[in-house]
Protein backbone atom coordinates (compact mmCIF):
# COMPACT_ATOMS: atom_id res chain seq x y z
CA PRO A 1 0.00 0.00 0.00
CA MET A 2 1.10 3.52 -0.81
CA PRO A 3 1.59 5.93 2.11
CA LYS A 4 -1.06 8.60 2.42
CA PRO A 5 0.08 11.96 1.09
CA ARG A 6 0.56 14.56 3.83
CA SER A 7 -2.27 17.00 4.05
CA THR A 8 -1.43 20.65 3.44
CA ALA A 9 -4.59 21.75 5.24
CA PRO A 10 -4.02 23.58 8.54
CA GLU A 11 -4.61 21.66 11.74
CA PRO A 12 -8.16 22.09 13.03
CA THR A 13 -8.51 24.39 16.02
CA PRO A 14 -11.37 24.85 18.49
CA ALA A 15 -13.93 27.54 17.74
CA LEU A 16 -13.28 28.95 21.22
CA ARG A 17 -10.98 28.14 24.14
CA PHE A 18 -12.88 29.17 27.26
CA VAL A 19 -11.06 31.57 29.61
CA LYS A 20 -12.64 32.41 32.96
CA GLN A 21 -12.14 35.55 35.01
CA ARG A 22 -9.53 35.22 37.75
CA HIS A 23 -10.30 38.46 39.62
CA SER A 24 -13.32 40.72 40.06
CA SER A 25 -12.11 43.24 37.48
CA ASP A 26 -10.34 41.21 34.78
CA CYS A 27 -13.20 40.34 32.43
CA ALA A 28 -11.43 42.34 29.70
CA VAL A 29 -8.33 40.15 30.02
CA ALA A 30 -10.37 36.94 29.95
CA VAL A 31 -12.50 37.87 26.91
CA LEU A 32 -9.54 39.15 24.89
CA ALA A 33 -7.69 35.89 25.57
CA MET A 34 -10.82 33.90 24.71
CA PHE A 35 -11.79 35.80 21.53
CA LEU A 36 -8.25 36.27 20.17
CA GLY A 37 -7.17 32.72 21.04
CA VAL A 38 -4.15 33.77 23.09
CA ARG A 39 -3.00 33.11 26.64
CA TYR A 40 -4.51 35.05 29.57
CA GLU A 41 -0.98 35.96 30.72
CA ASP A 42 -0.04 37.44 27.33
CA VAL A 43 -3.10 39.70 27.42
CA LEU A 44 -2.41 40.74 31.02
CA ILE A 45 1.18 41.68 30.11
CA ALA A 46 -0.07 43.67 27.10
CA PHE A 47 -2.40 45.71 29.36
CA ASN A 48 0.70 46.82 31.28
CA LYS A 49 -1.25 47.92 34.36
CA PRO A 50 -2.40 46.30 37.60
CA VAL A 51 -5.38 44.01 37.11
CA ILE A 52 -7.41 46.16 39.50
CA ASP A 53 -7.21 49.08 37.03
CA ILE A 54 -8.31 47.09 33.98
CA GLY A 55 -11.77 47.90 32.73
CA VAL A 56 -11.66 51.60 33.49
CA ASP A 57 -11.59 52.64 29.83
CA PHE A 58 -13.51 50.17 27.64
CA PRO A 59 -13.22 49.79 24.66
CA LYS A 60 -10.19 52.00 23.98
CA ASP A 61 -7.83 49.98 26.20
CA MET A 62 -8.99 46.69 24.70
CA ILE A 63 -8.43 47.95 21.14
CA ALA A 64 -4.91 49.10 22.12
CA VAL A 65 -4.09 45.74 23.72
CA ALA A 66 -5.40 43.80 20.70
CA ARG A 67 -3.23 46.00 18.46
CA LYS A 68 -0.17 45.19 20.63
CA LEU A 69 -1.01 41.50 20.15
CA LYS A 70 -1.14 42.09 16.35
CA MET A 71 -4.88 41.34 16.21
CA PRO A 72 -6.61 44.67 15.48
CA LEU A 73 -10.20 45.20 16.58
CA LYS A 74 -12.74 47.84 15.63
CA HIS A 75 -15.66 49.09 17.75
CA ARG A 76 -19.19 48.98 16.32
CA LYS A 77 -22.25 50.40 18.05
CA ARG A 78 -24.55 48.66 15.54
CA PHE A 79 -24.19 44.95 14.87
CA ASP A 80 -26.22 41.83 14.11
CA ALA A 81 -26.11 39.45 17.08
CA GLU A 82 -27.07 36.51 14.87
CA VAL A 83 -24.11 36.81 12.47
CA ASP A 84 -21.47 39.09 14.02
CA ASP A 85 -18.86 37.68 16.40
CA GLY A 86 -16.82 39.75 18.80
CA ILE A 87 -16.33 41.13 22.26
CA LEU A 88 -19.59 42.57 23.51
CA HIS A 89 -19.46 45.54 25.87
CA VAL A 90 -22.48 45.44 28.18
CA ASP A 91 -23.94 47.79 30.73
CA LEU A 92 -24.97 45.91 33.87
CA LEU A 93 -27.85 48.16 34.80
CA LYS A 94 -27.88 47.28 38.53
CA GLN A 95 -24.10 47.67 38.96
CA SER A 96 -21.72 50.58 38.63
CA GLN A 97 -19.19 48.80 36.42
CA ALA A 98 -19.36 47.68 32.82
CA HIS A 99 -18.70 44.13 31.69
CA VAL A 100 -17.51 42.36 28.54
CA VAL A 101 -18.43 38.94 27.17
CA VAL A 102 -17.76 37.05 23.95
CA LEU A 103 -20.53 36.94 21.33
CA MET A 104 -20.15 34.05 18.90
CA ASN A 105 -22.73 32.39 16.66
CA GLY A 106 -25.54 34.21 18.47
CA LEU A 107 -24.43 32.92 21.89
CA ILE A 108 -22.97 34.83 24.84
CA PHE A 109 -19.91 33.30 26.52
CA ASP A 110 -19.64 34.92 29.95
CA THR A 111 -16.44 34.96 31.98
CA ASP A 112 -18.09 33.01 34.82
CA GLY A 113 -18.13 29.91 32.60
CA SER A 114 -21.75 30.17 31.45
CA VAL A 115 -23.05 30.16 27.88
CA TRP A 116 -26.29 32.02 27.11
CA ASP A 117 -28.79 32.62 24.37
CA TYR A 118 -28.31 36.27 23.37
CA ASP A 119 -31.73 37.55 24.49
CA ASP A 120 -31.82 35.43 27.66
CA TYR A 121 -28.47 36.84 28.81
CA PHE A 122 -29.73 40.43 28.85
CA VAL A 123 -32.85 39.47 30.81
CA ALA A 124 -30.94 37.39 33.37
CA ALA A 125 -28.03 39.84 33.75
CA GLU A 126 -30.31 42.90 33.72
CA ALA A 127 -28.03 44.42 31.11
CA LYS A 128 -28.04 46.16 27.77
CA PRO A 129 -25.52 45.97 24.91
CA LEU A 130 -23.28 49.00 24.36
CA GLY A 131 -21.20 47.90 21.36
CA LEU A 132 -19.17 45.14 19.77
CA LEU A 133 -15.43 44.88 19.22
CA MET A 134 -14.96 42.94 16.00
CA ARG A 135 -11.86 41.78 14.16
CA ARG A 136 -10.89 44.62 11.85
CA SER A 137 -10.75 42.21 8.89
CA GLU A 138 -14.44 41.41 9.38
CA VAL A 139 -15.63 45.02 9.30
CA GLY A 140 -13.77 46.00 6.16
CA GLY A 141 -11.07 48.32 7.36
């Protein structure tokens, strides 16, 4: 028998590697690692500030960190939750701080380890969407 020719196709990768929050204020680190497919530690180093100060300036800081990691993102206030994937900035209406989660294939991946239907998440979290950070290549510029 002849040996099988080696495939030139890239190795398959998971659609998402789940990254949970490690502190009360590091959701930005966790979702960037999750959405960009990089290590939590690499994102934390790219923020270059104490974890307690992360999340003060969404989405500007997250765009700057993604750029440092050579994975540019662009902020969109209008998006289609059914087809657009990205980092969703949400306003937790009962809390003073904002939050970010990953939106992929119409599902919300929260940094506590839960996965939600888009509409159900906003009811349960008592939140509203503020905007989506998308890969620059997917928004045309």
